[in-house]
Protein backbone atom coordinates (compact mmCIF):
# COMPACT_ATOMS: atom_id res chain seq x y z
CA MET A 1 0.36 -13.53 -80.42
CA PHE A 2 -0.65 -9.64 -79.55
CA ALA A 3 -2.67 -11.34 -76.29
CA GLN A 4 0.61 -13.71 -75.46
CA SER A 5 2.29 -9.89 -75.79
CA VAL A 6 -0.60 -8.59 -73.59
CA PHE A 7 -0.37 -10.98 -71.04
CA ARG A 8 3.91 -10.57 -70.95
CA THR A 9 3.67 -7.03 -70.17
CA ARG A 10 1.32 -7.74 -67.84
CA CYS A 11 3.23 -10.25 -65.60
CA ALA A 12 6.16 -8.17 -66.05
CA CYS A 13 4.30 -5.03 -64.61
CA TRP A 14 3.25 -7.61 -61.83
CA LEU A 15 6.40 -8.52 -61.19
CA SER A 16 7.93 -4.91 -61.39
CA VAL A 17 4.90 -3.82 -58.62
CA ILE A 18 6.02 -7.21 -56.44
CA GLY A 19 9.55 -6.60 -56.30
CA ILE A 20 9.36 -2.87 -55.63
CA LEU A 21 7.27 -4.66 -52.77
CA LEU A 22 9.59 -7.14 -51.14
CA LEU A 23 12.20 -4.14 -51.87
CA LEU A 24 10.33 -1.36 -49.79
CA VAL A 25 9.48 -4.47 -47.02
CA GLY A 26 13.01 -5.17 -46.96
CA CYS A 27 14.28 -1.52 -46.58
CA ALA A 28 11.32 -0.68 -43.47
CA GLU A 29 12.93 -0.45 -40.58
CA GLU A 30 13.06 -2.97 -37.56
CA PRO A 31 11.18 -1.27 -34.65
CA SER A 32 14.18 -0.33 -31.75
CA THR A 33 13.72 -1.57 -28.76
CA LEU A 34 12.29 1.12 -26.78
CA GLU A 35 9.34 0.42 -29.33
CA ARG A 36 9.09 -3.34 -29.57
CA VAL A 37 9.07 -3.00 -24.77
CA GLN A 38 5.96 -0.04 -25.42
CA SER A 39 3.71 -2.59 -28.40
CA GLU A 40 4.94 -5.81 -25.85
CA GLY A 41 3.97 -4.06 -23.00
CA THR A 42 6.60 -5.44 -20.70
CA LEU A 43 10.13 -4.86 -19.50
CA ARG A 44 12.17 -7.32 -19.33
CA VAL A 45 14.79 -6.88 -16.69
CA ILE A 46 18.11 -9.47 -15.35
CA THR A 47 18.81 -9.28 -12.52
CA ARG A 48 20.79 -10.97 -8.83
CA ASN A 49 18.56 -12.38 -6.32
CA SER A 50 20.42 -10.85 -3.46
CA PRO A 51 19.63 -8.49 -0.64
CA ALA A 52 21.26 -5.51 -2.49
CA THR A 53 19.67 -6.06 -5.46
CA TYR A 54 15.84 -8.10 -5.63
CA PHE A 55 14.61 -10.39 -3.86
CA GLN A 56 10.72 -11.20 -2.31
CA ASP A 57 9.83 -11.11 1.33
CA ARG A 58 6.15 -10.92 2.62
CA ASN A 59 5.55 -7.87 1.10
CA GLY A 60 6.74 -9.55 -2.39
CA GLU A 61 8.86 -8.41 -4.80
CA THR A 62 11.61 -5.99 -3.16
CA GLY A 63 15.43 -4.64 -3.10
CA PHE A 64 17.04 -1.50 -3.97
CA GLU A 65 16.91 -1.99 -7.80
CA TYR A 66 14.07 -4.03 -7.89
CA GLU A 67 12.24 -0.33 -6.93
CA LEU A 68 14.31 1.90 -9.04
CA VAL A 69 13.66 -0.33 -12.03
CA ASN A 70 9.65 -0.93 -11.35
CA ARG A 71 9.43 3.18 -11.40
CA PHE A 72 11.11 3.02 -14.76
CA ALA A 73 9.05 0.05 -16.16
CA ASP A 74 5.95 3.03 -14.52
CA ASP A 75 7.50 5.55 -16.28
CA LEU A 76 7.37 4.12 -19.05
CA GLY A 77 3.64 2.88 -18.57
CA VAL A 78 4.65 -1.12 -19.24
CA GLU A 79 4.17 -3.58 -16.60
CA LEU A 80 7.79 -4.80 -14.68
CA GLN A 81 8.93 -8.68 -15.32
CA ILE A 82 11.21 -9.67 -13.49
CA GLU A 83 14.02 -13.02 -14.10
CA THR A 84 17.01 -13.85 -12.13
CA ALA A 85 20.43 -15.55 -13.55
CA ASP A 86 22.31 -18.08 -10.67
CA ASN A 87 25.98 -15.77 -11.86
CA LEU A 88 27.24 -12.59 -13.36
CA ASP A 89 28.34 -14.91 -16.53
CA GLU A 90 24.65 -16.40 -17.16
CA LEU A 91 23.31 -12.34 -16.42
CA PHE A 92 25.63 -10.95 -19.24
CA ALA A 93 25.11 -14.29 -21.59
CA SER A 94 21.49 -13.67 -21.24
CA LEU A 95 21.86 -9.82 -21.88
CA SER A 96 23.15 -11.06 -25.33
CA LYS A 97 20.97 -13.45 -26.68
CA PRO A 98 18.50 -12.41 -29.45
CA ASN A 99 15.25 -12.94 -27.33
CA GLY A 100 17.01 -11.82 -24.61
CA PRO A 101 15.80 -9.86 -21.37
CA HIS A 102 15.04 -5.81 -22.14
CA LEU A 103 18.13 -4.41 -19.55
CA ALA A 104 19.66 -5.82 -16.79
CA ALA A 105 19.57 -4.08 -13.11
CA ALA A 106 22.10 -6.00 -10.87
CA GLY A 107 24.45 -3.87 -9.33
CA LEU A 108 26.62 -3.59 -11.89
CA VAL A 109 30.13 -1.76 -12.74
CA GLU A 110 30.77 -0.36 -15.75
CA SER A 111 34.41 -2.15 -16.73
CA ASP A 112 36.70 -1.98 -19.17
CA GLY A 113 36.42 -6.18 -19.17
CA ARG A 114 32.51 -6.05 -19.23
CA LEU A 115 32.26 -3.43 -22.08
CA PRO A 116 32.47 -6.36 -25.08
CA TYR A 117 29.02 -7.21 -23.85
CA ALA A 118 26.43 -4.76 -22.97
CA ARG A 119 26.41 -1.01 -23.16
CA PHE A 120 26.26 1.09 -19.74
CA SER A 121 23.47 3.67 -18.61
CA ALA A 122 24.69 6.69 -16.79
CA PRO A 123 25.24 6.05 -13.24
CA TYR A 124 22.69 6.21 -10.63
CA LEU A 125 25.12 5.12 -7.12
CA GLN A 126 29.23 5.34 -6.62
CA VAL A 127 30.72 2.45 -4.60
CA THR A 128 34.52 1.94 -3.53
CA PRO A 129 36.09 -1.65 -3.98
CA GLN A 130 37.21 -3.08 -0.21
CA VAL A 131 38.88 -5.65 0.94
CA ILE A 132 37.39 -7.37 3.93
CA TYR A 133 38.88 -9.35 6.62
CA ARG A 134 37.68 -10.88 9.76
CA ASN A 135 38.52 -8.91 12.60
CA GLY A 136 41.20 -10.76 15.26
CA GLN A 137 43.14 -11.16 12.40
CA GLN A 138 45.94 -8.44 11.01
CA ARG A 139 44.70 -6.33 9.18
CA PRO A 140 45.89 -6.12 5.39
CA THR A 141 46.71 -2.57 4.28
CA ARG A 142 47.87 -2.86 0.25
CA PRO A 143 47.79 -5.08 -2.29
CA GLU A 144 50.89 -7.16 -1.02
CA ASP A 145 49.39 -8.47 1.74
CA LEU A 146 47.05 -10.18 -0.14
CA ILE A 147 49.83 -12.89 -0.68
CA GLY A 148 49.23 -16.07 0.71
CA LYS A 149 45.70 -15.01 1.85
CA ARG A 150 42.59 -17.24 0.98
CA LEU A 151 41.22 -15.17 -1.11
CA LEU A 152 37.50 -15.69 -2.53
CA VAL A 153 35.78 -13.39 -4.18
CA LEU A 154 32.59 -13.38 -7.36
CA LYS A 155 33.15 -15.09 -10.36
CA GLY A 156 32.83 -13.25 -13.26
CA SER A 157 32.63 -10.04 -10.72
CA SER A 158 34.27 -6.75 -11.55
CA HIS A 159 36.65 -7.11 -8.12
CA ALA A 160 38.06 -10.95 -10.16
CA GLU A 161 38.32 -8.38 -12.94
CA GLN A 162 40.47 -6.33 -10.44
CA LEU A 163 42.60 -9.22 -9.30
CA ALA A 164 43.03 -9.95 -12.68
CA THR A 165 44.91 -6.78 -13.72
CA LEU A 166 47.09 -6.52 -10.09
CA LYS A 167 47.92 -10.34 -10.74
CA LEU A 168 50.24 -9.15 -13.49
CA GLN A 169 51.89 -6.87 -11.09
CA LEU A 170 51.92 -9.77 -8.25
CA PRO A 171 52.38 -12.51 -10.32
CA GLU A 172 52.49 -14.91 -6.90
CA LEU A 173 49.07 -12.73 -6.00
CA ALA A 174 46.47 -16.25 -5.76
CA TYR A 175 42.99 -15.82 -5.67
CA GLU A 176 39.56 -17.90 -6.23
CA GLU A 177 36.82 -17.31 -8.01
CA SER A 178 33.29 -18.71 -7.89
CA SER A 179 29.16 -19.08 -9.32
CA ALA A 180 28.12 -21.14 -6.24
CA VAL A 181 28.01 -18.34 -3.83
CA GLU A 182 26.00 -14.46 -3.11
CA VAL A 183 28.04 -11.86 -1.17
CA VAL A 184 26.46 -12.25 1.74
CA ASP A 185 27.61 -15.95 1.17
CA LEU A 186 31.10 -14.37 1.14
CA LEU A 187 31.11 -11.83 3.99
CA ARG A 188 29.60 -15.10 5.89
CA MET A 189 32.57 -17.12 4.72
CA VAL A 190 34.73 -14.45 5.95
CA ASP A 191 33.13 -14.19 9.24
CA GLU A 192 33.18 -17.44 10.03
CA GLY A 193 36.99 -17.58 9.05
CA GLN A 194 36.59 -20.19 6.26
CA ILE A 195 38.39 -17.72 4.50
CA ASP A 196 40.62 -15.16 4.61
CA LEU A 197 39.67 -12.25 2.56
CA THR A 198 37.00 -11.31 0.03
CA LEU A 199 36.66 -8.18 -1.89
CA ILE A 200 33.20 -6.27 -2.07
CA ASP A 201 31.76 -3.00 -2.94
CA SER A 202 31.15 -0.33 -0.31
CA ASN A 203 27.14 -0.95 -0.09
CA GLU A 204 26.73 -4.25 0.15
CA LEU A 205 28.79 -4.62 2.82
CA ALA A 206 26.99 -1.57 4.56
CA MET A 207 23.79 -3.21 3.71
CA ASN A 208 24.83 -6.91 5.62
CA GLN A 209 27.58 -5.42 7.93
CA VAL A 210 24.98 -5.93 11.08
CA TYR A 211 24.24 -9.51 10.22
CA PHE A 212 27.97 -10.43 9.94
CA PRO A 213 29.65 -8.72 13.37
CA ASN A 214 33.32 -10.21 12.95
CA VAL A 215 33.89 -8.31 9.19
CA ARG A 216 36.42 -5.35 9.13
CA VAL A 217 37.43 -3.46 6.02
CA ALA A 218 40.84 -3.87 5.41
CA PHE A 219 41.44 -0.98 2.88
CA ASP A 220 39.59 0.74 -0.15
CA PHE A 221 40.56 -1.21 -3.41
CA GLY A 222 40.93 1.38 -5.72
CA ASP A 223 38.94 4.55 -6.73
CA ALA A 224 34.95 4.96 -6.16
CA GLN A 225 33.47 2.97 -9.39
CA ASN A 226 29.65 3.39 -11.12
CA LEU A 227 27.03 1.45 -10.73
CA ALA A 228 24.96 1.22 -13.82
CA TRP A 229 22.19 -0.45 -16.29
CA ALA A 230 23.20 -1.93 -18.80
CA THR A 231 21.85 -2.90 -22.13
CA ALA A 232 22.76 -5.60 -25.30
CA PRO A 233 25.88 -3.89 -27.56
CA GLY A 234 24.64 -2.43 -30.80
CA GLU A 235 23.38 0.18 -32.07
CA ASP A 236 20.32 0.64 -31.52
CA LEU A 237 20.26 3.50 -28.34
CA SER A 238 16.64 3.86 -27.94
CA LEU A 239 15.90 2.29 -24.27
CA LEU A 240 20.01 3.05 -23.66
CA ASN A 241 18.56 6.95 -24.44
CA GLU A 242 15.23 6.19 -22.32
CA MET A 243 16.86 4.78 -19.23
CA ASP A 244 19.80 7.66 -19.17
CA ALA A 245 16.99 10.34 -18.87
CA PHE A 246 14.61 8.53 -16.74
CA ILE A 247 17.69 8.82 -13.84
CA GLN A 248 18.90 11.77 -14.98
CA ARG A 249 14.87 13.21 -14.11
CA ALA A 250 15.10 10.74 -11.23
CA GLN A 251 18.06 12.28 -9.55
CA THR A 252 16.27 15.90 -9.89
CA ASN A 253 12.64 15.09 -9.05
CA GLY A 254 14.60 13.85 -5.38
CA SER A 255 13.36 10.12 -5.90
CA LEU A 256 16.53 8.64 -6.38
CA GLN A 257 17.79 10.41 -3.68
CA ARG A 258 14.79 9.11 -1.41
CA LEU A 259 15.46 5.83 -2.60
CA LYS A 260 18.86 5.38 -1.84
CA ASP A 261 18.45 7.06 1.58
CA ARG A 262 15.39 4.08 2.47
CA TYR A 263 18.20 1.74 1.67
CA TYR A 264 21.85 3.23 2.19
CA GLY A 265 21.14 6.37 4.05
CA HIS A 266 21.03 5.00 7.77
CA VAL A 267 23.27 1.15 7.02
CA ASP A 268 26.43 2.62 9.06
CA VAL A 269 24.33 3.81 12.31
CA LEU A 270 25.47 0.49 14.58
CA GLY A 271 29.17 -0.03 13.54
CA TYR A 272 30.53 -2.75 15.45
CA VAL A 273 30.18 -2.25 18.35
CA GLY A 274 26.83 -2.15 18.06
CA ALA A 275 25.77 -4.55 15.53
CA TYR A 276 27.24 -7.40 18.13
CA THR A 277 25.93 -5.79 20.85
CA PHE A 278 22.52 -5.96 18.76
CA ALA A 279 22.71 -9.35 17.62
CA LYS A 280 23.47 -10.63 21.67
CA HIS A 281 20.18 -8.73 22.35
CA LEU A 282 17.93 -10.25 19.74
CA GLN A 283 19.00 -13.43 21.77
CA GLN A 284 18.66 -12.93 24.91
CA ARG A 285 16.23 -10.11 25.22
CA LEU A 286 13.52 -10.15 22.32
CA PRO A 287 12.33 -13.52 23.16
CA ARG A 288 10.85 -12.35 26.10
CA TYR A 289 8.83 -9.68 24.96
CA GLU A 290 7.74 -10.10 21.37
CA LYS A 291 4.66 -12.28 22.70
CA HIS A 292 3.44 -8.38 24.20
CA PHE A 293 5.04 -6.66 20.96
CA ARG A 294 3.06 -8.36 18.65
CA GLU A 295 -0.31 -8.43 21.21
CA SER A 296 0.03 -4.97 20.64
CA ALA A 297 0.18 -4.69 17.66
CA GLN A 298 -2.20 -6.27 16.65
CA THR A 299 -4.77 -4.67 18.51
CA HIS A 300 -3.46 -0.73 17.26
CA GLN A 301 -2.44 -2.23 12.93
CA VAL A 302 1.48 -1.63 13.84
CA ASP A 303 3.80 -3.31 12.44
CA TRP A 304 4.91 -5.05 15.63
CA ARG A 305 9.16 -5.16 14.57
CA LEU A 306 8.29 -1.08 14.49
CA LEU A 307 7.41 -1.75 18.12
CA ALA A 308 10.36 -3.32 18.71
CA ALA A 309 12.49 -0.91 17.21
CA ILE A 310 11.59 1.66 19.29
CA GLY A 311 11.88 -0.35 22.20
CA TYR A 312 15.02 -1.13 21.99
CA GLN A 313 15.88 2.88 20.99
CA GLU A 314 14.14 3.80 24.04
CA SER A 315 15.73 1.13 26.81
CA LEU A 316 17.66 -1.92 24.65
CA TRP A 317 14.75 -3.52 25.93
CA GLN A 318 15.39 -3.50 29.30
CA PRO A 319 11.95 -3.30 31.68
CA THR A 320 13.33 -1.42 34.70
CA ALA A 321 15.33 1.23 32.39
CA THR A 322 14.82 4.90 34.08
CA SER A 323 16.30 7.70 33.05
CA LYS A 324 17.84 11.68 34.93
CA THR A 325 14.46 13.70 33.31
CA GLY A 326 11.55 10.82 34.85
CA VAL A 327 11.15 8.55 31.87
CA ARG A 328 11.01 5.18 32.62
CA GLY A 329 10.59 1.36 31.31
CA LEU A 330 10.53 -1.05 28.28
CA MET A 331 9.35 1.93 25.96
CA MET A 332 10.56 5.05 28.49
CA LEU A 333 7.35 6.76 28.53
CA THR A 334 6.39 10.20 30.78
CA LEU A 335 4.47 10.37 32.91
CA ARG A 336 2.19 12.31 31.71
CA THR A 337 1.99 10.18 28.46
CA ALA A 338 1.69 6.69 30.86
CA GLN A 339 -1.00 8.08 32.09
CA ALA A 340 -2.81 9.89 29.16
CA MET A 341 -2.20 6.26 28.06
CA GLY A 342 -3.84 4.52 30.72
CA VAL A 343 -0.61 2.85 31.77
CA SER A 344 -0.83 2.06 35.65
CA ASP A 345 2.47 1.00 35.87
CA ARG A 346 5.65 2.31 33.28
CA LEU A 347 8.02 -1.02 34.80
CA ASN A 348 4.84 -3.49 34.01
CA PRO A 349 6.47 -4.34 30.23
CA LYS A 350 2.88 -5.61 28.66
CA GLN A 351 1.67 -1.80 29.97
CA SER A 352 4.54 -0.12 28.68
CA ILE A 353 4.94 -1.86 25.36
CA GLU A 354 0.23 -1.35 24.74
CA GLY A 355 1.02 2.49 25.48
CA GLY A 356 3.61 2.99 23.64
CA ALA A 357 1.73 1.62 20.31
CA LYS A 358 -1.05 3.64 21.88
CA TYR A 359 1.07 6.68 22.18
CA ILE A 360 2.75 6.36 18.26
CA VAL A 361 -0.18 5.90 16.12
CA HIS A 362 -2.17 9.14 18.23
CA VAL A 363 1.02 11.28 17.72
CA LYS A 364 1.20 9.76 13.49
CA LYS A 365 -3.06 10.60 13.68
CA GLN A 366 -1.90 13.97 14.86
CA LEU A 367 0.01 14.68 11.23
CA PRO A 368 -1.31 17.04 8.91
CA GLU A 369 -2.84 14.99 6.05
CA SER A 370 -0.39 16.04 3.40
CA ILE A 371 2.41 14.01 4.87
CA GLN A 372 2.23 11.06 3.02
CA GLU A 373 3.52 7.11 3.62
CA PRO A 374 6.71 6.36 4.34
CA ASP A 375 7.78 9.83 5.23
CA ARG A 376 4.44 9.89 7.78
CA THR A 377 6.27 7.52 9.41
CA TRP A 378 9.30 8.99 10.11
CA PHE A 379 7.61 11.75 10.93
CA ALA A 380 5.72 10.29 13.72
CA LEU A 381 8.96 8.65 15.13
CA ALA A 382 9.76 12.25 15.08
CA ALA A 383 7.01 13.86 17.14
CA TYR A 384 7.31 11.17 19.54
CA ASN A 385 10.62 12.20 20.45
CA VAL A 386 10.60 15.91 20.05
CA GLY A 387 6.87 16.61 20.18
CA GLY A 388 4.77 17.71 17.82
CA GLY A 389 5.85 21.41 17.64
CA HIS A 390 8.30 21.60 17.62
CA LEU A 391 8.17 19.54 14.73
CA GLU A 392 6.04 21.75 12.99
CA ASP A 393 8.60 24.55 13.24
CA ALA A 394 11.30 22.31 11.54
CA ARG A 395 8.35 22.30 9.17
CA LYS A 396 8.25 26.02 8.44
CA LEU A 397 11.36 26.44 8.73
CA THR A 398 12.26 23.56 5.78
CA GLU A 399 9.38 25.56 3.78
CA ALA A 400 11.00 28.80 4.21
CA GLU A 401 14.23 27.71 2.57
CA GLY A 402 13.11 26.10 -0.57
CA LEU A 403 12.65 22.32 0.52
CA ASP A 404 9.42 20.09 0.77
CA PRO A 405 7.98 20.03 4.07
CA ASN A 406 5.89 16.98 3.70
CA LYS A 407 9.92 14.70 3.01
CA TRP A 408 11.48 13.82 5.99
CA LEU A 409 14.63 13.61 3.58
CA ASP A 410 14.27 17.69 3.73
CA VAL A 411 13.51 18.09 7.07
CA GLN A 412 15.99 15.90 8.74
CA LYS A 413 18.44 18.83 7.54
CA ILE A 414 17.13 21.58 9.16
CA LEU A 415 16.15 19.90 12.82
CA PRO A 416 19.41 20.86 14.38
CA ARG A 417 18.49 24.34 13.38
CA LEU A 418 16.08 24.12 16.74
CA ALA A 419 19.57 23.93 18.90
CA GLN A 420 21.33 27.38 17.22
CA LYS A 421 19.72 30.46 18.66
CA GLN A 422 19.38 32.79 15.21
CA TRP A 423 16.65 30.06 14.11
CA TYR A 424 15.20 28.64 17.77
CA SER A 425 14.00 32.38 17.98
CA LYS A 426 12.75 32.76 15.12
CA THR A 427 10.29 29.74 15.52
CA ARG A 428 6.60 28.91 17.80
CA TYR A 429 7.90 26.54 20.20
CA GLY A 430 12.10 27.87 20.31
CA TYR A 431 14.53 26.01 21.54
CA ALA A 432 14.96 22.40 21.15
CA ARG A 433 17.80 19.63 20.75
CA GLY A 434 16.98 18.83 16.83
CA GLY A 435 19.71 16.48 16.50
CA GLU A 436 17.90 14.03 18.79
CA PRO A 437 14.91 12.74 17.06
CA VAL A 438 17.03 13.07 13.43
CA HIS A 439 19.50 9.85 15.59
CA PHE A 440 16.01 8.55 17.09
CA VAL A 441 14.56 7.95 13.67
CA ARG A 442 17.64 6.68 11.69
CA ASN A 443 18.22 4.33 14.73
CA ILE A 444 15.23 3.40 14.91
CA ARG A 445 14.73 2.46 10.49
CA ARG A 446 18.47 0.42 10.96
CA TYR A 447 16.84 -1.95 13.70
CA TYR A 448 13.52 -1.91 12.46
CA ASP A 449 15.34 -3.53 8.33
CA ILE A 450 16.90 -5.54 10.66
CA LEU A 451 14.33 -7.14 12.61
CA THR A 452 12.39 -7.06 9.23
CA TRP A 453 15.19 -9.27 7.78
CA VAL A 454 15.83 -11.73 10.64
CA THR A 455 12.12 -12.12 10.79
CA GLN A 456 10.97 -13.67 7.14
CA PRO A 457 10.19 -16.82 6.70
CA GLN A 458 12.04 -18.14 3.27
CA LEU A 459 15.69 -17.34 5.59
CA GLU A 460 15.08 -18.83 7.88
CA GLY A 461 17.79 -21.59 8.57
CA SER A 462 20.12 -20.69 6.05
CA GLN A 463 21.58 -16.72 6.05
CA ILE A 464 19.97 -15.82 9.53
CA ALA A 465 21.67 -19.02 11.52
CA ASP A 466 24.71 -19.06 9.31
CA SER A 467 24.91 -15.17 10.87
CA ASN A 468 24.28 -16.30 14.00
CA LEU A 469 21.25 -13.70 13.96
CA HIS A 470 18.42 -15.96 13.83
CA VAL A 471 15.74 -16.42 16.72
CA PRO A 472 13.23 -18.98 17.56
CA GLY A 473 9.58 -17.73 17.14
CA VAL A 474 11.06 -14.41 14.80
CA ASN A 475 11.73 -14.74 11.57
CA LYS A 476 15.89 -9.01 4.65
CA THR A 477 15.86 -5.90 3.49
CA PRO A 478 13.73 -2.69 3.77
CA PRO A 479 10.18 -2.67 2.67
CA PRO A 480 8.75 -0.96 -0.01
CA GLU A 481 9.14 3.10 0.18
CA GLU A 482 5.05 2.72 -0.76
CA LEU A 483 4.33 -0.17 2.24
CA SER A 484 4.44 1.87 5.63
CA PRO A 485 5.04 0.37 9.21
CA LEU A 486 2.46 1.97 11.01
């Protein structure tokens, strides 16, 4: 009896211990999303496959959203894993799955209709929804003018939400939504007259405007809105708080602004007329000289598209161009520069391109080592235009203002001061038309971006051909910031 009593007592004790252990296990907190990301060593991100978000070019993965979220992954010390959604509905559905992606970075507008499906980060870019129409058609100027038009938008987009709200006020308004298209498809359809109107955000129009020269902005469809990243809904704010902190740091240290400038800061340079003209010259003029650009680029280890962009800015690819100041040829070389670069005939396109390639590489080598890529390329272009002495003056003025003399984003703000006596009187080399190199670099960057787009093999026969910009023998988006065309 005694033994049985001891046995029962011991069993009761063990059962109590096991119960306590089970209770402790049950009470243990689940790891937070941020902790899971860090323990897995991977940040899983879902996005859209589009020029403004993410895609792959010859240099690998790129796009504004990709570059920004890749910096976030680096900040967390983890690897980035990208997956793409075919449409916005699929994106939000994936985000809500138990083992779905950790966040969505896809040019998303925070809207009331999306709040049940996601939590949104601090904003990182402000955009304006715009109604787009085709040049030559009657321009809509107010929401009532949308009635009776063929209007198509992305299914599940914030624009579809806006139209649904408008339809409550204008019951006769009709529109369609499609999950089988992306923004570039909508612009192409307007450009070709397949539809009358569409709604897209201002940043996406700015990036794609030049490829569709017939599209125009009819009017802004409401106030500016914020783009933000999204996480799954719920009470776990660990990753969301880290996202907000990262975006704040990126705004403070200037890296976010530099990324915006790289992708969007120079996209309105051409305008409608310039876009059409450049498209025409791509087809009619560039094929005559592309071989020379490629050969000189290979010889001097320069991106041939950068050389072509410089040539277009200088002469519109006209080998006999001559300025009032005596610079001549396709690359518009001065007599002194031509002689220094071994060019005997500035009007010979092959010689001119070769001289221009040698000169831009020479200029770049003269820059201080403290200027790193990608800024080093933009500084080289500025020096190519205004001269190294004036550029150094501008860098000193920039430093005196408490800005970074090694960042083009800062120096381009100061360069125009070289035309103002109160500033150039303090410099070594004196007066210069400082606004010109800023304009020069901005234009070349835009031309280079376009050439980068139309020379991507994976786009041949699709968007390029559709936008009438495909050039035989010539194959979008800006290359990653870390990469240099020089």
